[in-house]
PDB file of N, CA and C in Angstrom:
ATOM      1  N   MET A   1       0.839  -1.171   0.007  1.00  0.00           N
ATOM      2  CA  MET A   1      -0.001  -0.005   0.004  1.00  0.00           C
ATOM      3  C   MET A   1       0.896   1.239  -0.001  1.00  0.00           C
ATOM      4  N   CYS A   2       0.547   2.199  -0.785  1.00  0.00           N
ATOM      5  CA  CYS A   2       1.277   3.471  -0.835  1.00  0.00           C
ATOM      6  C   CYS A   2       0.417   4.561  -0.205  1.00  0.00           C
ATOM      7  N   LEU A   3       1.068   5.471   0.466  1.00  0.00           N
ATOM      8  CA  LEU A   3       0.381   6.601   1.067  1.00  0.00           C
ATOM      9  C   LEU A   3       0.838   7.882   0.402  1.00  0.00           C
ATOM     10  N   ALA A   4      -0.025   8.864   0.351  1.00  0.00           N
ATOM     11  CA  ALA A   4       0.332  10.194  -0.098  1.00  0.00           C
ATOM     12  C   ALA A   4       0.711  10.981   1.154  1.00  0.00           C
ATOM     13  N   VAL A   5       1.937  11.501   1.167  1.00  0.00           N
ATOM     14  CA  VAL A   5       2.523  12.077   2.381  1.00  0.00           C
ATOM     15  C   VAL A   5       2.733  13.580   2.218  1.00  0.00           C
ATOM     16  N   PRO A   6       2.364  14.378   3.228  1.00  0.00           N
ATOM     17  CA  PRO A   6       2.652  15.811   3.165  1.00  0.00           C
ATOM     18  C   PRO A   6       4.138  16.074   3.407  1.00  0.00           C
ATOM     19  N   MET A   7       4.754  16.860   2.536  1.00  0.00           N
ATOM     20  CA  MET A   7       6.167  17.202   2.640  1.00  0.00           C
ATOM     21  C   MET A   7       6.357  18.691   2.334  1.00  0.00           C
ATOM     22  N   ARG A   8       7.439  19.259   2.887  1.00  0.00           N
ATOM     23  CA  ARG A   8       7.775  20.650   2.600  1.00  0.00           C
ATOM     24  C   ARG A   8       8.873  20.676   1.540  1.00  0.00           C
ATOM     25  N   ILE A   9       8.686  21.528   0.516  1.00  0.00           N
ATOM     26  CA  ILE A   9       9.696  21.659  -0.538  1.00  0.00           C
ATOM     27  C   ILE A   9      10.888  22.437   0.024  1.00  0.00           C
ATOM     28  N   VAL A  10      12.065  21.814  -0.100  1.00  0.00           N
ATOM     29  CA  VAL A  10      13.301  22.398   0.405  1.00  0.00           C
ATOM     30  C   VAL A  10      14.018  23.149  -0.698  1.00  0.00           C
ATOM     31  N   SER A  11      14.034  22.567  -1.912  1.00  0.00           N
ATOM     32  CA  SER A  11      14.698  23.226  -3.041  1.00  0.00           C
ATOM     33  C   SER A  11      14.065  22.750  -4.340  1.00  0.00           C
ATOM     34  N   ILE A  12      14.183  23.602  -5.343  1.00  0.00           N
ATOM     35  CA  ILE A  12      13.640  23.290  -6.668  1.00  0.00           C
ATOM     36  C   ILE A  12      14.762  23.503  -7.672  1.00  0.00           C
ATOM     37  N   SER A  13      14.914  22.548  -8.584  1.00  0.00           N
ATOM     38  CA  SER A  13      15.905  22.688  -9.651  1.00  0.00           C
ATOM     39  C   SER A  13      15.205  22.780 -10.992  1.00  0.00           C
ATOM     40  N   ALA A  14      15.973  23.046 -12.034  1.00  0.00           N
ATOM     41  CA  ALA A  14      15.409  23.179 -13.377  1.00  0.00           C
ATOM     42  C   ALA A  14      14.711  21.886 -13.786  1.00  0.00           C
ATOM     43  N   GLY A  15      13.682  22.020 -14.592  1.00  0.00           N
ATOM     44  CA  GLY A  15      12.991  20.871 -15.118  1.00  0.00           C
ATOM     45  C   GLY A  15      11.901  20.301 -14.230  1.00  0.00           C
ATOM     46  N   GLY A  16      11.533  21.000 -13.162  1.00  0.00           N
ATOM     47  CA  GLY A  16      10.432  20.550 -12.326  1.00  0.00           C
ATOM     48  C   GLY A  16      10.808  19.545 -11.263  1.00  0.00           C
ATOM     49  N   ALA A  17      12.086  19.371 -11.019  1.00  0.00           N
ATOM     50  CA  ALA A  17      12.507  18.469  -9.937  1.00  0.00           C
ATOM     51  C   ALA A  17      12.652  19.264  -8.650  1.00  0.00           C
ATOM     52  N   ALA A  18      12.442  18.594  -7.530  1.00  0.00           N
ATOM     53  CA  ALA A  18      12.564  19.257  -6.247  1.00  0.00           C
ATOM     54  C   ALA A  18      13.094  18.273  -5.221  1.00  0.00           C
ATOM     55  N   VAL A  19      13.529  18.824  -4.106  1.00  0.00           N
ATOM     56  CA  VAL A  19      13.831  18.043  -2.920  1.00  0.00           C
ATOM     57  C   VAL A  19      12.821  18.458  -1.881  1.00  0.00           C
ATOM     58  N   ALA A  20      12.140  17.470  -1.303  1.00  0.00           N
ATOM     59  CA  ALA A  20      11.131  17.737  -0.273  1.00  0.00           C
ATOM     60  C   ALA A  20      11.510  16.949   0.972  1.00  0.00           C
ATOM     61  N   GLU A  21      11.027  17.443   2.116  1.00  0.00           N
ATOM     62  CA  GLU A  21      11.435  16.860   3.391  1.00  0.00           C
ATOM     63  C   GLU A  21      10.230  16.532   4.245  1.00  0.00           C
ATOM     64  N   VAL A  22      10.315  15.406   4.937  1.00  0.00           N
ATOM     65  CA  VAL A  22       9.347  15.037   5.946  1.00  0.00           C
ATOM     66  C   VAL A  22      10.101  14.353   7.082  1.00  0.00           C
ATOM     67  N   ASP A  23       9.848  14.791   8.287  1.00  0.00           N
ATOM     68  CA  ASP A  23      10.437  14.181   9.466  1.00  0.00           C
ATOM     69  C   ASP A  23      11.967  14.090   9.391  1.00  0.00           C
ATOM     70  N   GLY A  24      12.592  15.115   8.799  1.00  0.00           N
ATOM     71  CA  GLY A  24      14.034  15.168   8.722  1.00  0.00           C
ATOM     72  C   GLY A  24      14.674  14.374   7.581  1.00  0.00           C
ATOM     73  N   THR A  25      13.871  13.686   6.802  1.00  0.00           N
ATOM     74  CA  THR A  25      14.381  12.905   5.673  1.00  0.00           C
ATOM     75  C   THR A  25      14.000  13.599   4.376  1.00  0.00           C
ATOM     76  N   ARG A  26      14.965  13.668   3.466  1.00  0.00           N
ATOM     77  CA  ARG A  26      14.728  14.347   2.185  1.00  0.00           C
ATOM     78  C   ARG A  26      14.533  13.357   1.048  1.00  0.00           C
ATOM     79  N   TYR A  27      13.665  13.741   0.114  1.00  0.00           N
ATOM     80  CA  TYR A  27      13.319  12.892  -1.014  1.00  0.00           C
ATOM     81  C   TYR A  27      13.321  13.725  -2.293  1.00  0.00           C
ATOM     82  N   ASP A  28      13.670  13.068  -3.403  1.00  0.00           N
ATOM     83  CA  ASP A  28      13.519  13.697  -4.707  1.00  0.00           C
ATOM     84  C   ASP A  28      12.049  13.612  -5.107  1.00  0.00           C
ATOM     85  N   VAL A  29      11.510  14.727  -5.580  1.00  0.00           N
ATOM     86  CA  VAL A  29      10.088  14.807  -5.915  1.00  0.00           C
ATOM     87  C   VAL A  29       9.940  15.480  -7.283  1.00  0.00           C
ATOM     88  N   ASP A  30       9.027  14.954  -8.089  1.00  0.00           N
ATOM     89  CA  ASP A  30       8.698  15.550  -9.379  1.00  0.00           C
ATOM     90  C   ASP A  30       7.518  16.522  -9.183  1.00  0.00           C
ATOM     91  N   LEU A  31       7.698  17.753  -9.601  1.00  0.00           N
ATOM     92  CA  LEU A  31       6.673  18.787  -9.423  1.00  0.00           C
ATOM     93  C   LEU A  31       5.800  19.005 -10.677  1.00  0.00           C
ATOM     94  N   SER A  32       5.961  18.186 -11.681  1.00  0.00           N
ATOM     95  CA  SER A  32       5.295  18.437 -12.961  1.00  0.00           C
ATOM     96  C   SER A  32       3.765  18.406 -12.887  1.00  0.00           C
ATOM     97  N   LEU A  33       3.196  17.827 -11.866  1.00  0.00           N
ATOM     98  CA  LEU A  33       1.736  17.757 -11.741  1.00  0.00           C
ATOM     99  C   LEU A  33       1.144  18.887 -10.919  1.00  0.00           C
ATOM    100  N   VAL A  34       2.003  19.722 -10.336  1.00  0.00           N
ATOM    101  CA  VAL A  34       1.552  20.813  -9.459  1.00  0.00           C
ATOM    102  C   VAL A  34       2.075  22.136 -10.003  1.00  0.00           C
ATOM    103  N   GLU A  35       1.163  23.052 -10.301  1.00  0.00           N
ATOM    104  CA  GLU A  35       1.575  24.344 -10.841  1.00  0.00           C
ATOM    105  C   GLU A  35       1.921  25.320  -9.727  1.00  0.00           C
ATOM    106  N   GLY A  36       2.954  26.101  -9.957  1.00  0.00           N
ATOM    107  CA  GLY A  36       3.273  27.220  -9.090  1.00  0.00           C
ATOM    108  C   GLY A  36       3.893  26.897  -7.746  1.00  0.00           C
ATOM    109  N   ALA A  37       4.356  25.667  -7.550  1.00  0.00           N
ATOM    110  CA  ALA A  37       4.975  25.313  -6.269  1.00  0.00           C
ATOM    111  C   ALA A  37       6.293  26.050  -6.116  1.00  0.00           C
ATOM    112  N   ILE A  38       6.559  26.534  -4.906  1.00  0.00           N
ATOM    113  CA  ILE A  38       7.794  27.227  -4.618  1.00  0.00           C
ATOM    114  C   ILE A  38       8.425  26.635  -3.343  1.00  0.00           C
ATOM    115  N   GLU A  39       9.705  26.969  -3.122  1.00  0.00           N
ATOM    116  CA  GLU A  39      10.378  26.511  -1.911  1.00  0.00           C
ATOM    117  C   GLU A  39       9.586  26.945  -0.687  1.00  0.00           C
ATOM    118  N   GLY A  40       9.447  26.041   0.253  1.00  0.00           N
ATOM    119  CA  GLY A  40       8.700  26.327   1.479  1.00  0.00           C
ATOM    120  C   GLY A  40       7.257  25.852   1.420  1.00  0.00           C
ATOM    121  N   ASP A  41       6.728  25.631   0.229  1.00  0.00           N
ATOM    122  CA  ASP A  41       5.355  25.109   0.114  1.00  0.00           C
ATOM    123  C   ASP A  41       5.275  23.698   0.639  1.00  0.00           C
ATOM    124  N   PHE A  42       4.094  23.336   1.120  1.00  0.00           N
ATOM    125  CA  PHE A  42       3.810  21.947   1.450  1.00  0.00           C
ATOM    126  C   PHE A  42       3.076  21.328   0.269  1.00  0.00           C
ATOM    127  N   VAL A  43       3.445  20.084  -0.035  1.00  0.00           N
ATOM    128  CA  VAL A  43       2.790  19.341  -1.099  1.00  0.00           C
ATOM    129  C   VAL A  43       2.491  17.924  -0.601  1.00  0.00           C
ATOM    130  N   ILE A  44       1.486  17.335  -1.201  1.00  0.00           N
ATOM    131  CA  ILE A  44       1.218  15.916  -0.965  1.00  0.00           C
ATOM    132  C   ILE A  44       2.006  15.146  -2.018  1.00  0.00           C
ATOM    133  N   VAL A  45       2.794  14.171  -1.560  1.00  0.00           N
ATOM    134  CA  VAL A  45       3.655  13.396  -2.466  1.00  0.00           C
ATOM    135  C   VAL A  45       3.192  11.943  -2.477  1.00  0.00           C
ATOM    136  N   HIS A  46       3.008  11.420  -3.676  1.00  0.00           N
ATOM    137  CA  HIS A  46       2.641  10.020  -3.868  1.00  0.00           C
ATOM    138  C   HIS A  46       3.517   9.449  -4.964  1.00  0.00           C
ATOM    139  N   ALA A  47       4.216   8.370  -4.656  1.00  0.00           N
ATOM    140  CA  ALA A  47       5.079   7.661  -5.614  1.00  0.00           C
ATOM    141  C   ALA A  47       6.077   8.603  -6.283  1.00  0.00           C
ATOM    142  N   GLY A  48       6.597   9.562  -5.515  1.00  0.00           N
ATOM    143  CA  GLY A  48       7.612  10.461  -6.028  1.00  0.00           C
ATOM    144  C   GLY A  48       7.095  11.689  -6.760  1.00  0.00           C
ATOM    145  N   TYR A  49       5.782  11.835  -6.859  1.00  0.00           N
ATOM    146  CA  TYR A  49       5.177  12.979  -7.533  1.00  0.00           C
ATOM    147  C   TYR A  49       4.394  13.838  -6.553  1.00  0.00           C
ATOM    148  N   ALA A  50       4.604  15.135  -6.603  1.00  0.00           N
ATOM    149  CA  ALA A  50       3.748  16.051  -5.860  1.00  0.00           C
ATOM    150  C   ALA A  50       2.421  16.107  -6.592  1.00  0.00           C
ATOM    151  N   ILE A  51       1.327  15.873  -5.852  1.00  0.00           N
ATOM    152  CA  ILE A  51       0.013  15.816  -6.525  1.00  0.00           C
ATOM    153  C   ILE A  51      -0.940  16.908  -6.044  1.00  0.00           C
ATOM    154  N   GLU A  52      -0.551  17.634  -4.999  1.00  0.00           N
ATOM    155  CA  GLU A  52      -1.431  18.684  -4.465  1.00  0.00           C
ATOM    156  C   GLU A  52      -0.625  19.625  -3.586  1.00  0.00           C
ATOM    157  N   ARG A  53      -0.937  20.919  -3.662  1.00  0.00           N
ATOM    158  CA  ARG A  53      -0.358  21.890  -2.731  1.00  0.00           C
ATOM    159  C   ARG A  53      -1.252  22.036  -1.523  1.00  0.00           C
ATOM    160  N   LEU A  54      -0.653  22.276  -0.357  1.00  0.00           N
ATOM    161  CA  LEU A  54      -1.404  22.462   0.881  1.00  0.00           C
ATOM    162  C   LEU A  54      -1.006  23.762   1.520  1.00  0.00           C
ATOM    163  N   ASP A  55      -1.945  24.383   2.272  1.00  0.00           N
ATOM    164  CA  ASP A  55      -1.551  25.518   3.093  1.00  0.00           C
ATOM    165  C   ASP A  55      -0.990  24.973   4.414  1.00  0.00           C
ATOM    166  N   GLN A  56      -0.377  25.852   5.187  1.00  0.00           N
ATOM    167  CA  GLN A  56       0.292  25.439   6.436  1.00  0.00           C
ATOM    168  C   GLN A  56      -0.648  24.722   7.384  1.00  0.00           C
ATOM    169  N   ALA A  57      -1.853  25.207   7.578  1.00  0.00           N
ATOM    170  CA  ALA A  57      -2.796  24.607   8.507  1.00  0.00           C
ATOM    171  C   ALA A  57      -3.180  23.194   8.090  1.00  0.00           C
ATOM    172  N   GLU A  58      -3.454  23.009   6.821  1.00  0.00           N
ATOM    173  CA  GLU A  58      -3.829  21.692   6.310  1.00  0.00           C
ATOM    174  C   GLU A  58      -2.648  20.722   6.434  1.00  0.00           C
ATOM    175  N   ALA A  59      -1.452  21.201   6.108  1.00  0.00           N
ATOM    176  CA  ALA A  59      -0.268  20.361   6.234  1.00  0.00           C
ATOM    177  C   ALA A  59      -0.052  19.932   7.685  1.00  0.00           C
ATOM    178  N   ASP A  60      -0.175  20.873   8.618  1.00  0.00           N
ATOM    179  CA  ASP A  60       0.006  20.560  10.033  1.00  0.00           C
ATOM    180  C   ASP A  60      -1.013  19.505  10.484  1.00  0.00           C
ATOM    181  N   GLU A  61      -2.253  19.652  10.046  1.00  0.00           N
ATOM    182  CA  GLU A  61      -3.290  18.705  10.424  1.00  0.00           C
ATOM    183  C   GLU A  61      -2.998  17.304   9.896  1.00  0.00           C
ATOM    184  N   ARG A  62      -2.583  17.226   8.652  1.00  0.00           N
ATOM    185  CA  ARG A  62      -2.285  15.912   8.068  1.00  0.00           C
ATOM    186  C   ARG A  62      -1.059  15.279   8.702  1.00  0.00           C
ATOM    187  N   ILE A  63      -0.042  16.087   8.994  1.00  0.00           N
ATOM    188  CA  ILE A  63       1.161  15.570   9.653  1.00  0.00           C
ATOM    189  C   ILE A  63       0.808  15.049  11.046  1.00  0.00           C
ATOM    190  N   ALA A  64      -0.067  15.741  11.758  1.00  0.00           N
ATOM    191  CA  ALA A  64      -0.513  15.277  13.082  1.00  0.00           C
ATOM    192  C   ALA A  64      -1.262  13.948  12.970  1.00  0.00           C
ATOM    193  N   LEU A  65      -2.053  13.785  11.924  1.00  0.00           N
ATOM    194  CA  LEU A  65      -2.751  12.515  11.721  1.00  0.00           C
ATOM    195  C   LEU A  65      -1.783  11.375  11.486  1.00  0.00           C
ATOM    196  N   PHE A  66      -0.744  11.620  10.681  1.00  0.00           N
ATOM    197  CA  PHE A  66       0.278  10.572  10.464  1.00  0.00           C
ATOM    198  C   PHE A  66       0.981  10.240  11.772  1.00  0.00           C
ATOM    199  N   ALA A  67       1.283  11.217  12.597  1.00  0.00           N
ATOM    200  CA  ALA A  67       1.921  10.971  13.886  1.00  0.00           C
ATOM    201  C   ALA A  67       1.018  10.122  14.768  1.00  0.00           C
ATOM    202  N   GLU A  68      -0.267  10.417  14.769  1.00  0.00           N
ATOM    203  CA  GLU A  68      -1.229   9.642  15.559  1.00  0.00           C
ATOM    204  C   GLU A  68      -1.309   8.206  15.063  1.00  0.00           C
ATOM    205  N   LEU A  69      -1.327   8.011  13.756  1.00  0.00           N
ATOM    206  CA  LEU A  69      -1.342   6.653  13.205  1.00  0.00           C
ATOM    207  C   LEU A  69      -0.085   5.887  13.607  1.00  0.00           C
ATOM    208  N   ALA A  70       1.069   6.543  13.576  1.00  0.00           N
ATOM    209  CA  ALA A  70       2.313   5.903  13.979  1.00  0.00           C
ATOM    210  C   ALA A  70       2.266   5.510  15.462  1.00  0.00           C
ATOM    211  N   ARG A  71       1.720   6.386  16.301  1.00  0.00           N
ATOM    212  CA  ARG A  71       1.602   6.102  17.730  1.00  0.00           C
ATOM    213  C   ARG A  71       0.726   4.872  17.957  1.00  0.00           C
ATOM    214  N   ILE A  72      -0.386   4.796  17.259  1.00  0.00           N
ATOM    215  CA  ILE A  72      -1.286   3.666  17.375  1.00  0.00           C
ATOM    216  C   ILE A  72      -0.603   2.387  16.896  1.00  0.00           C
ATOM    217  N   GLU A  73       0.085   2.468  15.775  1.00  0.00           N
ATOM    218  CA  GLU A  73       0.792   1.309  15.224  1.00  0.00           C
ATOM    219  C   GLU A  73       1.836   0.776  16.200  1.00  0.00           C
ATOM    220  N   ARG A  74       2.488   1.667  16.932  1.00  0.00           N
ATOM    221  CA  ARG A  74       3.494   1.248  17.928  1.00  0.00           C
ATOM    222  C   ARG A  74       2.854   0.730  19.213  1.00  0.00           C
ATOM    223  N   GLY A  75       1.545   0.903  19.334  1.00  0.00           N
ATOM    224  CA  GLY A  75       0.844   0.445  20.521  1.00  0.00           C
ATOM    225  C   GLY A  75       1.003   1.354  21.720  1.00  0.00           C
ATOM    226  N   GLU A  76       1.327   2.592  21.477  1.00  0.00           N
ATOM    227  CA  GLU A  76       1.518   3.545  22.571  1.00  0.00           C
ATOM    228  C   GLU A  76       0.158   4.105  23.020  1.00  0.00           C
ATOM    229  N   PRO A  77       0.008   4.325  24.314  1.00  0.00           N
ATOM    230  CA  PRO A  77      -1.243   4.925  24.794  1.00  0.00           C
ATOM    231  C   PRO A  77      -1.336   6.391  24.390  1.00  0.00           C
ATOM    232  N   GLU A  78      -2.518   6.894  24.349  1.00  0.00           N
ATOM    233  CA  GLU A  78      -2.740   8.297  24.010  1.00  0.00           C
ATOM    234  C   GLU A  78      -2.004   9.183  25.020  1.00  0.00           C
ATOM    235  N   GLY A  79      -1.262  10.192  24.508  1.00  0.00           N
ATOM    236  CA  GLY A  79      -0.597  11.148  25.367  1.00  0.00           C
ATOM    237  C   GLY A  79       0.794  10.744  25.807  1.00  0.00           C
ATOM    238  N   GLY A  80       1.333   9.635  25.353  1.00  0.00           N
ATOM    239  CA  GLY A  80       2.688   9.275  25.763  1.00  0.00           C
ATOM    240  C   GLY A  80       3.086   7.889  25.313  1.00  0.00           C
ATOM    241  N   ARG A  81       4.245   7.471  25.768  1.00  0.00           N
ATOM    242  CA  ARG A  81       4.796   6.176  25.384  1.00  0.00           C
ATOM    243  C   ARG A  81       4.354   5.102  26.372  1.00  0.00           C
ATOM    244  N   ALA A  82       4.283   3.874  25.882  1.00  0.00           N
ATOM    245  CA  ALA A  82       3.904   2.732  26.705  1.00  0.00           C
ATOM    246  C   ALA A  82       5.067   2.327  27.603  1.00  0.00           C
TER     247      ALA A  82
END
């Protein structure tokens, strides 16, 4: 299963390529499907392609959801570690 992950664009190079970051890890991302993306924007990335731009509030909300899913997957109780 693949997930579409919110990432922040760190840098953009010629030809629509970018480097985006999530949780301290950087990935190469193709921006050809998203118009007008600039450094600092948040984008949803699926299979190496940015597919949607997000505003800061929406990105924060989605990142928090991913953190909650990770907490549940690890079996940690709400509000802290097991």
